Amino acid sequence: MNQKILPASAKMKEFEHFLQSSYEIGVFLDMHIAQLKHIAQMARQNEKKMIYHIDLIHGIKNDEYATEYICQEFKPFGLISTKAGVIKKAKQKGVIAVQRVFLIDSHALEKSYKLIEKTEPDYIEVLPGAIPWMITEVKERVNIPIFAGGLIRTAEDVKNALQAGASAITTSKRELWDLFQEH
């Protein structure tokens, strides 16, 4: 994936801003299941590829059955989840699978490493992404491309995360979308 910024939308206004941008791939974070059809149609009409955070789709359980339904009905580019079953099902359906990992403490990180070994996701999203040395450590340990997200607030944060080894930055901060947008 060549895109260095993955615009993340949690509201329709943000999503509409993404649709008008030059970015091809975007992330939708927080939605109601009833919005999914409309969002998928709008993305398709604007030739955008969407990654949905399945754990944050309200009104549907974040399990293998929901994953299969979303993959069949809405054909997303990718899905983000903390759940092993979702990651495995997304991969089985040929959808980019992004395992979300929280850098809470060493114990949580070790549990995440074990989960990653089991699920073999296409990407890992590390939160918070504003800890460059942890991005480097995770990348060296798992050798899977990393998205850095969470608490990335400045252009310097973006550059630090990319230099530390992140493949891309997921951010809902529109100023960063605009700053790094390719024209």
N, C-alpha and C. Protein backbone atom coordinates (compact mmCIF):
# COMPACT_ATOMS: atom_id res chain seq x y z
N MET A 1 0.85 -1.18 0.00
CA MET A 1 0.00 0.00 0.00
C MET A 1 0.90 1.25 0.00
N ASN A 2 0.71 2.09 -0.98
CA ASN A 2 1.57 3.27 -1.12
C ASN A 2 1.06 4.49 -0.37
N GLN A 3 -0.20 4.51 -0.06
CA GLN A 3 -0.80 5.67 0.60
C GLN A 3 -0.29 5.77 2.04
N LYS A 4 0.29 6.91 2.39
CA LYS A 4 0.91 7.08 3.71
C LYS A 4 -0.07 7.56 4.77
N ILE A 5 -1.14 8.23 4.37
CA ILE A 5 -2.19 8.68 5.30
C ILE A 5 -3.46 7.94 4.94
N LEU A 6 -4.08 7.31 5.93
CA LEU A 6 -5.38 6.67 5.75
C LEU A 6 -6.39 7.51 6.52
N PRO A 7 -7.12 8.39 5.82
CA PRO A 7 -8.10 9.23 6.50
C PRO A 7 -9.16 8.38 7.20
N ALA A 8 -9.34 8.64 8.47
CA ALA A 8 -10.32 7.88 9.27
C ALA A 8 -11.50 8.79 9.60
N SER A 9 -12.69 8.32 9.24
CA SER A 9 -13.92 9.09 9.46
C SER A 9 -14.75 8.43 10.54
N ALA A 10 -15.31 9.25 11.41
CA ALA A 10 -16.25 8.75 12.41
C ALA A 10 -17.61 9.42 12.24
N LYS A 11 -17.66 10.42 11.37
CA LYS A 11 -18.90 11.16 11.11
C LYS A 11 -19.06 11.33 9.61
N MET A 12 -20.30 11.53 9.17
CA MET A 12 -20.57 11.69 7.74
C MET A 12 -19.85 12.90 7.15
N LYS A 13 -19.77 14.00 7.89
CA LYS A 13 -19.08 15.20 7.38
C LYS A 13 -17.61 14.88 7.07
N GLU A 14 -16.97 14.15 7.96
CA GLU A 14 -15.58 13.75 7.74
C GLU A 14 -15.47 12.84 6.51
N PHE A 15 -16.42 11.91 6.41
CA PHE A 15 -16.44 10.98 5.29
C PHE A 15 -16.61 11.73 3.96
N GLU A 16 -17.50 12.70 3.95
CA GLU A 16 -17.72 13.51 2.74
C GLU A 16 -16.44 14.27 2.37
N HIS A 17 -15.72 14.76 3.36
CA HIS A 17 -14.44 15.44 3.11
C HIS A 17 -13.45 14.45 2.49
N PHE A 18 -13.40 13.24 3.01
CA PHE A 18 -12.54 12.19 2.44
C PHE A 18 -12.92 11.92 0.99
N LEU A 19 -14.22 11.83 0.70
CA LEU A 19 -14.67 11.53 -0.66
C LEU A 19 -14.20 12.58 -1.67
N GLN A 20 -14.06 13.81 -1.21
CA GLN A 20 -13.61 14.90 -2.08
C GLN A 20 -12.08 14.95 -2.20
N SER A 21 -11.39 14.19 -1.40
CA SER A 21 -9.92 14.22 -1.37
C SER A 21 -9.33 13.37 -2.50
N SER A 22 -8.02 13.45 -2.64
CA SER A 22 -7.33 12.63 -3.64
C SER A 22 -6.97 11.25 -3.10
N TYR A 23 -7.25 11.01 -1.83
CA TYR A 23 -6.94 9.70 -1.25
C TYR A 23 -7.84 8.63 -1.83
N GLU A 24 -7.27 7.46 -2.08
CA GLU A 24 -8.03 6.34 -2.63
C GLU A 24 -8.63 5.46 -1.53
N ILE A 25 -7.88 5.30 -0.44
CA ILE A 25 -8.28 4.38 0.63
C ILE A 25 -8.59 5.17 1.89
N GLY A 26 -9.72 4.83 2.52
CA GLY A 26 -10.10 5.49 3.76
C GLY A 26 -10.62 4.48 4.77
N VAL A 27 -10.72 4.93 6.01
CA VAL A 27 -11.18 4.09 7.10
C VAL A 27 -12.46 4.71 7.67
N PHE A 28 -13.47 3.87 7.92
CA PHE A 28 -14.65 4.37 8.62
C PHE A 28 -14.67 3.71 9.99
N LEU A 29 -14.67 4.55 11.01
CA LEU A 29 -14.48 4.08 12.39
C LEU A 29 -15.76 3.73 13.13
N ASP A 30 -16.72 4.59 13.10
CA ASP A 30 -17.83 4.48 14.04
C ASP A 30 -19.13 4.74 13.30
N MET A 31 -19.94 3.69 13.13
CA MET A 31 -21.18 3.87 12.39
C MET A 31 -22.25 2.91 12.91
N HIS A 32 -23.44 3.17 12.50
CA HIS A 32 -24.58 2.30 12.77
C HIS A 32 -24.73 1.39 11.57
N ILE A 33 -25.13 0.15 11.79
CA ILE A 33 -25.28 -0.81 10.70
C ILE A 33 -26.16 -0.26 9.57
N ALA A 34 -27.15 0.55 9.91
CA ALA A 34 -28.05 1.11 8.90
C ALA A 34 -27.34 2.08 7.96
N GLN A 35 -26.19 2.62 8.35
CA GLN A 35 -25.44 3.56 7.51
C GLN A 35 -24.53 2.85 6.51
N LEU A 36 -24.25 1.59 6.76
CA LEU A 36 -23.24 0.87 5.98
C LEU A 36 -23.54 0.84 4.48
N LYS A 37 -24.77 0.57 4.11
CA LYS A 37 -25.14 0.48 2.70
C LYS A 37 -24.89 1.82 2.00
N HIS A 38 -25.32 2.90 2.64
CA HIS A 38 -25.17 4.24 2.07
C HIS A 38 -23.69 4.61 1.95
N ILE A 39 -22.92 4.34 2.97
CA ILE A 39 -21.49 4.64 2.98
C ILE A 39 -20.77 3.85 1.89
N ALA A 40 -21.12 2.57 1.77
CA ALA A 40 -20.50 1.72 0.74
C ALA A 40 -20.83 2.23 -0.66
N GLN A 41 -22.07 2.65 -0.88
CA GLN A 41 -22.48 3.18 -2.18
C GLN A 41 -21.74 4.47 -2.51
N MET A 42 -21.67 5.37 -1.53
CA MET A 42 -20.98 6.64 -1.75
C MET A 42 -19.50 6.41 -2.07
N ALA A 43 -18.89 5.49 -1.36
CA ALA A 43 -17.48 5.18 -1.60
C ALA A 43 -17.30 4.64 -3.02
N ARG A 44 -18.15 3.71 -3.41
CA ARG A 44 -18.06 3.12 -4.75
C ARG A 44 -18.25 4.18 -5.84
N GLN A 45 -19.24 5.05 -5.65
CA GLN A 45 -19.51 6.11 -6.63
C GLN A 45 -18.31 7.05 -6.78
N ASN A 46 -17.56 7.23 -5.72
CA ASN A 46 -16.40 8.12 -5.74
C ASN A 46 -15.08 7.37 -5.94
N GLU A 47 -15.20 6.09 -6.30
CA GLU A 47 -14.04 5.23 -6.56
C GLU A 47 -13.06 5.20 -5.40
N LYS A 48 -13.62 5.05 -4.20
CA LYS A 48 -12.81 4.95 -2.98
C LYS A 48 -12.88 3.52 -2.45
N LYS A 49 -11.79 3.11 -1.83
CA LYS A 49 -11.72 1.79 -1.19
C LYS A 49 -11.84 2.01 0.31
N MET A 50 -12.73 1.25 0.95
CA MET A 50 -12.99 1.47 2.37
C MET A 50 -12.51 0.30 3.23
N ILE A 51 -11.95 0.70 4.36
CA ILE A 51 -11.62 -0.24 5.42
C ILE A 51 -12.57 0.10 6.57
N TYR A 52 -13.38 -0.87 6.98
CA TYR A 52 -14.35 -0.64 8.06
C TYR A 52 -13.82 -1.23 9.36
N HIS A 53 -13.99 -0.47 10.42
CA HIS A 53 -13.62 -0.97 11.75
C HIS A 53 -14.84 -1.73 12.28
N ILE A 54 -14.83 -3.03 12.09
CA ILE A 54 -16.01 -3.85 12.39
C ILE A 54 -16.38 -3.83 13.87
N ASP A 55 -15.40 -3.63 14.75
CA ASP A 55 -15.71 -3.57 16.18
C ASP A 55 -16.53 -2.33 16.53
N LEU A 56 -16.54 -1.34 15.63
CA LEU A 56 -17.25 -0.09 15.89
C LEU A 56 -18.48 0.10 15.01
N ILE A 57 -18.98 -0.99 14.44
CA ILE A 57 -20.24 -0.92 13.69
C ILE A 57 -21.34 -1.33 14.67
N HIS A 58 -22.12 -0.35 15.09
CA HIS A 58 -23.17 -0.59 16.08
C HIS A 58 -24.35 -1.32 15.44
N GLY A 59 -24.90 -2.26 16.19
CA GLY A 59 -26.07 -2.98 15.71
C GLY A 59 -25.73 -4.31 15.08
N ILE A 60 -24.45 -4.67 15.09
CA ILE A 60 -24.03 -5.96 14.56
C ILE A 60 -22.87 -6.46 15.43
N LYS A 61 -22.86 -7.74 15.68
CA LYS A 61 -21.82 -8.30 16.52
C LYS A 61 -20.51 -8.41 15.72
N ASN A 62 -19.39 -8.20 16.38
CA ASN A 62 -18.10 -8.29 15.69
C ASN A 62 -17.58 -9.74 15.76
N ASP A 63 -18.23 -10.59 14.96
CA ASP A 63 -17.84 -12.01 14.93
C ASP A 63 -17.70 -12.48 13.48
N GLU A 64 -17.45 -13.77 13.31
CA GLU A 64 -17.23 -14.33 11.98
C GLU A 64 -18.46 -14.18 11.09
N TYR A 65 -19.65 -14.33 11.66
CA TYR A 65 -20.89 -14.25 10.87
C TYR A 65 -21.11 -12.84 10.33
N ALA A 66 -20.89 -11.86 11.18
CA ALA A 66 -21.02 -10.46 10.76
C ALA A 66 -19.95 -10.14 9.71
N THR A 67 -18.76 -10.68 9.90
CA THR A 67 -17.67 -10.45 8.95
C THR A 67 -18.04 -11.01 7.58
N GLU A 68 -18.56 -12.23 7.58
CA GLU A 68 -18.96 -12.85 6.32
C GLU A 68 -20.06 -12.03 5.64
N TYR A 69 -21.03 -11.59 6.42
CA TYR A 69 -22.13 -10.77 5.89
C TYR A 69 -21.60 -9.47 5.29
N ILE A 70 -20.75 -8.77 6.01
CA ILE A 70 -20.22 -7.49 5.53
C ILE A 70 -19.36 -7.70 4.28
N CYS A 71 -18.56 -8.75 4.26
CA CYS A 71 -17.72 -9.03 3.09
C CYS A 71 -18.58 -9.33 1.86
N GLN A 72 -19.64 -10.12 2.04
CA GLN A 72 -20.50 -10.48 0.91
C GLN A 72 -21.36 -9.32 0.44
N GLU A 73 -21.95 -8.61 1.37
CA GLU A 73 -22.90 -7.54 1.03
C GLU A 73 -22.24 -6.25 0.58
N PHE A 74 -21.12 -5.87 1.21
CA PHE A 74 -20.57 -4.54 0.99
C PHE A 74 -19.18 -4.54 0.37
N LYS A 75 -18.59 -5.73 0.21
CA LYS A 75 -17.29 -5.89 -0.43
C LYS A 75 -16.27 -4.80 -0.03
N PRO A 76 -15.96 -4.73 1.26
CA PRO A 76 -14.99 -3.73 1.69
C PRO A 76 -13.59 -4.06 1.18
N PHE A 77 -12.74 -3.06 1.13
CA PHE A 77 -11.34 -3.26 0.80
C PHE A 77 -10.67 -3.97 1.97
N GLY A 78 -11.07 -3.57 3.20
CA GLY A 78 -10.48 -4.18 4.38
C GLY A 78 -11.35 -4.04 5.60
N LEU A 79 -10.99 -4.79 6.63
CA LEU A 79 -11.67 -4.73 7.92
C LEU A 79 -10.62 -4.64 9.02
N ILE A 80 -10.93 -3.82 10.03
CA ILE A 80 -10.08 -3.69 11.22
C ILE A 80 -10.83 -4.33 12.38
N SER A 81 -10.11 -5.09 13.20
CA SER A 81 -10.73 -5.67 14.39
C SER A 81 -9.65 -6.08 15.40
N THR A 82 -10.10 -6.23 16.63
CA THR A 82 -9.25 -6.80 17.67
C THR A 82 -9.51 -8.30 17.80
N LYS A 83 -10.53 -8.80 17.12
CA LYS A 83 -10.98 -10.18 17.27
C LYS A 83 -10.33 -11.13 16.26
N ALA A 84 -9.78 -12.23 16.77
CA ALA A 84 -9.11 -13.23 15.93
C ALA A 84 -10.05 -13.81 14.88
N GLY A 85 -11.27 -14.13 15.25
CA GLY A 85 -12.22 -14.73 14.32
C GLY A 85 -12.55 -13.81 13.15
N VAL A 86 -12.64 -12.53 13.44
CA VAL A 86 -12.92 -11.54 12.39
C VAL A 86 -11.75 -11.48 11.41
N ILE A 87 -10.54 -11.44 11.94
CA ILE A 87 -9.34 -11.36 11.10
C ILE A 87 -9.25 -12.60 10.21
N LYS A 88 -9.44 -13.76 10.78
CA LYS A 88 -9.35 -15.00 10.00
C LYS A 88 -10.42 -15.06 8.90
N LYS A 89 -11.64 -14.67 9.23
CA LYS A 89 -12.75 -14.70 8.26
C LYS A 89 -12.50 -13.68 7.16
N ALA A 90 -12.03 -12.49 7.51
CA ALA A 90 -11.74 -11.46 6.49
C ALA A 90 -10.71 -11.99 5.50
N LYS A 91 -9.64 -12.61 6.01
CA LYS A 91 -8.60 -13.18 5.14
C LYS A 91 -9.19 -14.27 4.24
N GLN A 92 -10.03 -15.11 4.82
CA GLN A 92 -10.67 -16.18 4.07
C GLN A 92 -11.51 -15.61 2.93
N LYS A 93 -12.11 -14.45 3.15
CA LYS A 93 -12.98 -13.81 2.15
C LYS A 93 -12.20 -12.92 1.19
N GLY A 94 -10.87 -12.89 1.32
CA GLY A 94 -10.05 -12.11 0.41
C GLY A 94 -10.07 -10.61 0.67
N VAL A 95 -10.39 -10.24 1.91
CA VAL A 95 -10.45 -8.84 2.31
C VAL A 95 -9.21 -8.55 3.16
N ILE A 96 -8.62 -7.36 2.99
CA ILE A 96 -7.47 -6.97 3.80
C ILE A 96 -7.85 -7.03 5.28
N ALA A 97 -7.07 -7.75 6.05
CA ALA A 97 -7.35 -7.94 7.48
C ALA A 97 -6.34 -7.15 8.31
N VAL A 98 -6.87 -6.24 9.14
CA VAL A 98 -6.03 -5.38 9.96
C VAL A 98 -6.31 -5.69 11.44
N GLN A 99 -5.31 -6.24 12.12
CA GLN A 99 -5.43 -6.55 13.54
C GLN A 99 -5.09 -5.31 14.35
N ARG A 100 -6.03 -4.84 15.15
CA ARG A 100 -5.78 -3.67 15.99
C ARG A 100 -5.14 -4.12 17.29
N VAL A 101 -4.03 -3.45 17.65
CA VAL A 101 -3.26 -3.79 18.85
C VAL A 101 -3.11 -2.54 19.70
N PHE A 102 -3.42 -2.67 20.99
CA PHE A 102 -3.28 -1.56 21.92
C PHE A 102 -2.00 -1.72 22.72
N LEU A 103 -1.18 -0.68 22.73
CA LEU A 103 0.07 -0.70 23.49
C LEU A 103 -0.21 -0.22 24.91
N ILE A 104 -0.79 -1.10 25.71
CA ILE A 104 -1.17 -0.74 27.08
C ILE A 104 -0.03 -1.01 28.05
N ASP A 105 0.48 -2.24 27.98
CA ASP A 105 1.60 -2.64 28.83
C ASP A 105 2.26 -3.87 28.21
N SER A 106 3.33 -4.34 28.81
CA SER A 106 4.08 -5.47 28.26
C SER A 106 3.24 -6.74 28.19
N HIS A 107 2.41 -6.97 29.18
CA HIS A 107 1.56 -8.17 29.20
C HIS A 107 0.58 -8.15 28.02
N ALA A 108 -0.08 -7.02 27.80
CA ALA A 108 -1.03 -6.89 26.70
C ALA A 108 -0.31 -7.07 25.36
N LEU A 109 0.90 -6.53 25.27
CA LEU A 109 1.66 -6.64 24.04
C LEU A 109 2.02 -8.09 23.74
N GLU A 110 2.43 -8.83 24.76
CA GLU A 110 2.76 -10.25 24.57
C GLU A 110 1.53 -11.04 24.13
N LYS A 111 0.37 -10.74 24.72
CA LYS A 111 -0.88 -11.39 24.30
C LYS A 111 -1.17 -11.06 22.84
N SER A 112 -0.92 -9.82 22.45
CA SER A 112 -1.15 -9.40 21.06
C SER A 112 -0.23 -10.15 20.11
N TYR A 113 1.03 -10.34 20.49
CA TYR A 113 1.97 -11.09 19.65
C TYR A 113 1.47 -12.51 19.41
N LYS A 114 0.97 -13.15 20.46
CA LYS A 114 0.44 -14.52 20.33
C LYS A 114 -0.76 -14.55 19.39
N LEU A 115 -1.63 -13.55 19.53
CA LEU A 115 -2.81 -13.45 18.67
C LEU A 115 -2.40 -13.24 17.21
N ILE A 116 -1.42 -12.39 16.99
CA ILE A 116 -0.94 -12.10 15.64
C ILE A 116 -0.35 -13.35 14.99
N GLU A 117 0.37 -14.14 15.77
CA GLU A 117 0.91 -15.41 15.26
C GLU A 117 -0.21 -16.32 14.78
N LYS A 118 -1.31 -16.32 15.53
CA LYS A 118 -2.46 -17.16 15.19
C LYS A 118 -3.21 -16.66 13.97
N THR A 119 -3.45 -15.36 13.91
CA THR A 119 -4.32 -14.80 12.86
C THR A 119 -3.59 -14.43 11.58
N GLU A 120 -2.29 -14.13 11.68
CA GLU A 120 -1.48 -13.72 10.52
C GLU A 120 -2.18 -12.64 9.69
N PRO A 121 -2.47 -11.49 10.30
CA PRO A 121 -3.17 -10.42 9.57
C PRO A 121 -2.29 -9.84 8.46
N ASP A 122 -2.93 -9.13 7.54
CA ASP A 122 -2.19 -8.46 6.46
C ASP A 122 -1.46 -7.24 7.00
N TYR A 123 -2.09 -6.57 7.96
CA TYR A 123 -1.54 -5.37 8.60
C TYR A 123 -1.87 -5.42 10.08
N ILE A 124 -1.10 -4.64 10.85
CA ILE A 124 -1.39 -4.43 12.26
C ILE A 124 -1.60 -2.94 12.43
N GLU A 125 -2.63 -2.57 13.16
CA GLU A 125 -2.79 -1.16 13.52
C GLU A 125 -2.39 -1.03 14.98
N VAL A 126 -1.34 -0.23 15.23
CA VAL A 126 -0.79 -0.04 16.57
C VAL A 126 -1.33 1.26 17.14
N LEU A 127 -1.93 1.16 18.33
CA LEU A 127 -2.44 2.34 19.03
C LEU A 127 -1.87 2.41 20.44
N PRO A 128 -1.42 3.52 20.94
CA PRO A 128 -1.28 4.76 20.18
C PRO A 128 -0.06 4.71 19.25
N GLY A 129 -0.21 5.36 18.12
CA GLY A 129 0.85 5.38 17.12
C GLY A 129 1.87 6.47 17.35
N ALA A 130 1.70 7.21 18.42
CA ALA A 130 2.60 8.33 18.72
C ALA A 130 3.79 7.89 19.58
N ILE A 131 4.08 6.59 19.57
CA ILE A 131 5.23 6.07 20.31
C ILE A 131 6.15 5.39 19.29
N PRO A 132 7.00 6.17 18.62
CA PRO A 132 7.80 5.63 17.52
C PRO A 132 8.65 4.42 17.89
N TRP A 133 9.30 4.44 19.04
CA TRP A 133 10.18 3.32 19.40
C TRP A 133 9.39 2.02 19.57
N MET A 134 8.13 2.10 19.95
CA MET A 134 7.30 0.89 20.06
C MET A 134 6.91 0.37 18.67
N ILE A 135 6.71 1.28 17.72
CA ILE A 135 6.42 0.86 16.34
C ILE A 135 7.60 0.05 15.81
N THR A 136 8.81 0.54 16.05
CA THR A 136 10.02 -0.16 15.61
C THR A 136 10.10 -1.54 16.26
N GLU A 137 9.84 -1.60 17.57
CA GLU A 137 9.91 -2.88 18.28
C GLU A 137 8.89 -3.88 17.74
N VAL A 138 7.65 -3.44 17.55
CA VAL A 138 6.60 -4.33 17.05
C VAL A 138 6.94 -4.80 15.64
N LYS A 139 7.38 -3.90 14.80
CA LYS A 139 7.72 -4.26 13.42
C LYS A 139 8.83 -5.31 13.38
N GLU A 140 9.86 -5.12 14.20
CA GLU A 140 10.96 -6.09 14.24
C GLU A 140 10.48 -7.45 14.74
N ARG A 141 9.56 -7.45 15.66
CA ARG A 141 9.08 -8.70 16.25
C ARG A 141 8.17 -9.48 15.31
N VAL A 142 7.28 -8.80 14.60
CA VAL A 142 6.26 -9.52 13.82
C VAL A 142 6.49 -9.49 12.32
N ASN A 143 7.25 -8.55 11.82
CA ASN A 143 7.52 -8.44 10.40
C ASN A 143 6.24 -8.41 9.55
N ILE A 144 5.27 -7.65 10.01
CA ILE A 144 4.01 -7.42 9.29
C ILE A 144 3.87 -5.91 9.17
N PRO A 145 3.43 -5.41 8.02
CA PRO A 145 3.29 -3.95 7.87
C PRO A 145 2.37 -3.36 8.95
N ILE A 146 2.74 -2.15 9.38
CA ILE A 146 2.05 -1.52 10.51
C ILE A 146 1.38 -0.22 10.10
N PHE A 147 0.15 -0.05 10.57
CA PHE A 147 -0.53 1.24 10.53
C PHE A 147 -0.38 1.82 11.93
N ALA A 148 -0.03 3.08 12.03
CA ALA A 148 0.06 3.74 13.33
C ALA A 148 -1.16 4.65 13.46
N GLY A 149 -1.86 4.53 14.56
CA GLY A 149 -3.05 5.36 14.79
C GLY A 149 -3.15 5.76 16.25
N GLY A 150 -3.92 6.77 16.50
CA GLY A 150 -4.13 7.17 17.89
C GLY A 150 -3.09 8.13 18.40
N LEU A 151 -3.54 9.30 18.80
CA LEU A 151 -2.71 10.35 19.40
C LEU A 151 -1.65 10.91 18.46
N ILE A 152 -1.84 10.73 17.17
CA ILE A 152 -0.96 11.36 16.19
C ILE A 152 -1.60 12.70 15.86
N ARG A 153 -0.96 13.76 16.31
CA ARG A 153 -1.59 15.08 16.26
C ARG A 153 -0.88 16.07 15.35
N THR A 154 0.39 15.83 15.03
CA THR A 154 1.16 16.81 14.26
C THR A 154 1.85 16.14 13.08
N ALA A 155 2.31 16.98 12.16
CA ALA A 155 3.08 16.47 11.02
C ALA A 155 4.34 15.75 11.50
N GLU A 156 4.92 16.25 12.58
CA GLU A 156 6.11 15.62 13.14
C GLU A 156 5.78 14.21 13.67
N ASP A 157 4.61 14.06 14.31
CA ASP A 157 4.17 12.73 14.77
C ASP A 157 4.06 11.77 13.58
N VAL A 158 3.50 12.26 12.47
CA VAL A 158 3.35 11.44 11.27
C VAL A 158 4.73 11.01 10.78
N LYS A 159 5.63 11.97 10.63
CA LYS A 159 6.98 11.66 10.13
C LYS A 159 7.72 10.70 11.06
N ASN A 160 7.60 10.91 12.36
CA ASN A 160 8.26 10.02 13.33
C ASN A 160 7.74 8.59 13.23
N ALA A 161 6.43 8.43 13.10
CA ALA A 161 5.84 7.09 12.99
C ALA A 161 6.28 6.40 11.70
N LEU A 162 6.31 7.15 10.60
CA LEU A 162 6.75 6.57 9.33
C LEU A 162 8.22 6.20 9.38
N GLN A 163 9.04 7.07 9.96
CA GLN A 163 10.48 6.78 10.09
C GLN A 163 10.72 5.57 11.00
N ALA A 164 9.84 5.37 11.97
CA ALA A 164 9.98 4.25 12.90
C ALA A 164 9.58 2.92 12.26
N GLY A 165 8.97 2.99 11.07
CA GLY A 165 8.63 1.75 10.37
C GLY A 165 7.16 1.56 10.03
N ALA A 166 6.31 2.51 10.39
CA ALA A 166 4.90 2.39 10.01
C ALA A 166 4.76 2.52 8.50
N SER A 167 3.88 1.72 7.91
CA SER A 167 3.61 1.80 6.47
C SER A 167 2.67 2.95 6.17
N ALA A 168 1.77 3.21 7.11
CA ALA A 168 0.77 4.27 6.93
C ALA A 168 0.27 4.74 8.30
N ILE A 169 -0.39 5.89 8.28
CA ILE A 169 -0.96 6.49 9.48
C ILE A 169 -2.47 6.53 9.34
N THR A 170 -3.19 5.99 10.31
CA THR A 170 -4.64 6.17 10.34
C THR A 170 -4.92 7.37 11.24
N THR A 171 -5.61 8.36 10.69
CA THR A 171 -5.89 9.55 11.49
C THR A 171 -7.23 10.17 11.11
N SER A 172 -7.91 10.65 12.13
CA SER A 172 -9.16 11.38 11.89
C SER A 172 -8.91 12.88 11.87
N LYS A 173 -7.67 13.29 12.04
CA LYS A 173 -7.31 14.71 12.07
C LYS A 173 -7.23 15.24 10.63
N ARG A 174 -8.26 16.00 10.25
CA ARG A 174 -8.37 16.47 8.86
C ARG A 174 -7.21 17.37 8.45
N GLU A 175 -6.64 18.10 9.40
CA GLU A 175 -5.50 18.95 9.05
C GLU A 175 -4.35 18.10 8.51
N LEU A 176 -4.18 16.90 9.06
CA LEU A 176 -3.11 16.02 8.59
C LEU A 176 -3.47 15.41 7.23
N TRP A 177 -4.76 15.14 7.00
CA TRP A 177 -5.17 14.65 5.68
C TRP A 177 -4.77 15.68 4.63
N ASP A 178 -5.16 16.94 4.91
CA ASP A 178 -4.92 18.01 3.95
C ASP A 178 -3.42 18.28 3.76
N LEU A 179 -2.68 18.21 4.84
CA LEU A 179 -1.25 18.50 4.80
C LEU A 179 -0.49 17.50 3.94
N PHE A 180 -0.86 16.22 4.02
CA PHE A 180 -0.12 15.17 3.34
C PHE A 180 -0.80 14.72 2.04
N GLN A 181 -1.89 15.36 1.66
CA GLN A 181 -2.65 14.95 0.47
C GLN A 181 -1.81 15.14 -0.78
N GLU A 182 -1.86 14.12 -1.64
CA GLU A 182 -1.16 14.21 -2.92
C GLU A 182 -2.11 14.85 -3.91
N HIS A 183 -1.62 15.85 -4.60
CA HIS A 183 -2.49 16.56 -5.55
C HIS A 183 -2.25 16.13 -6.97
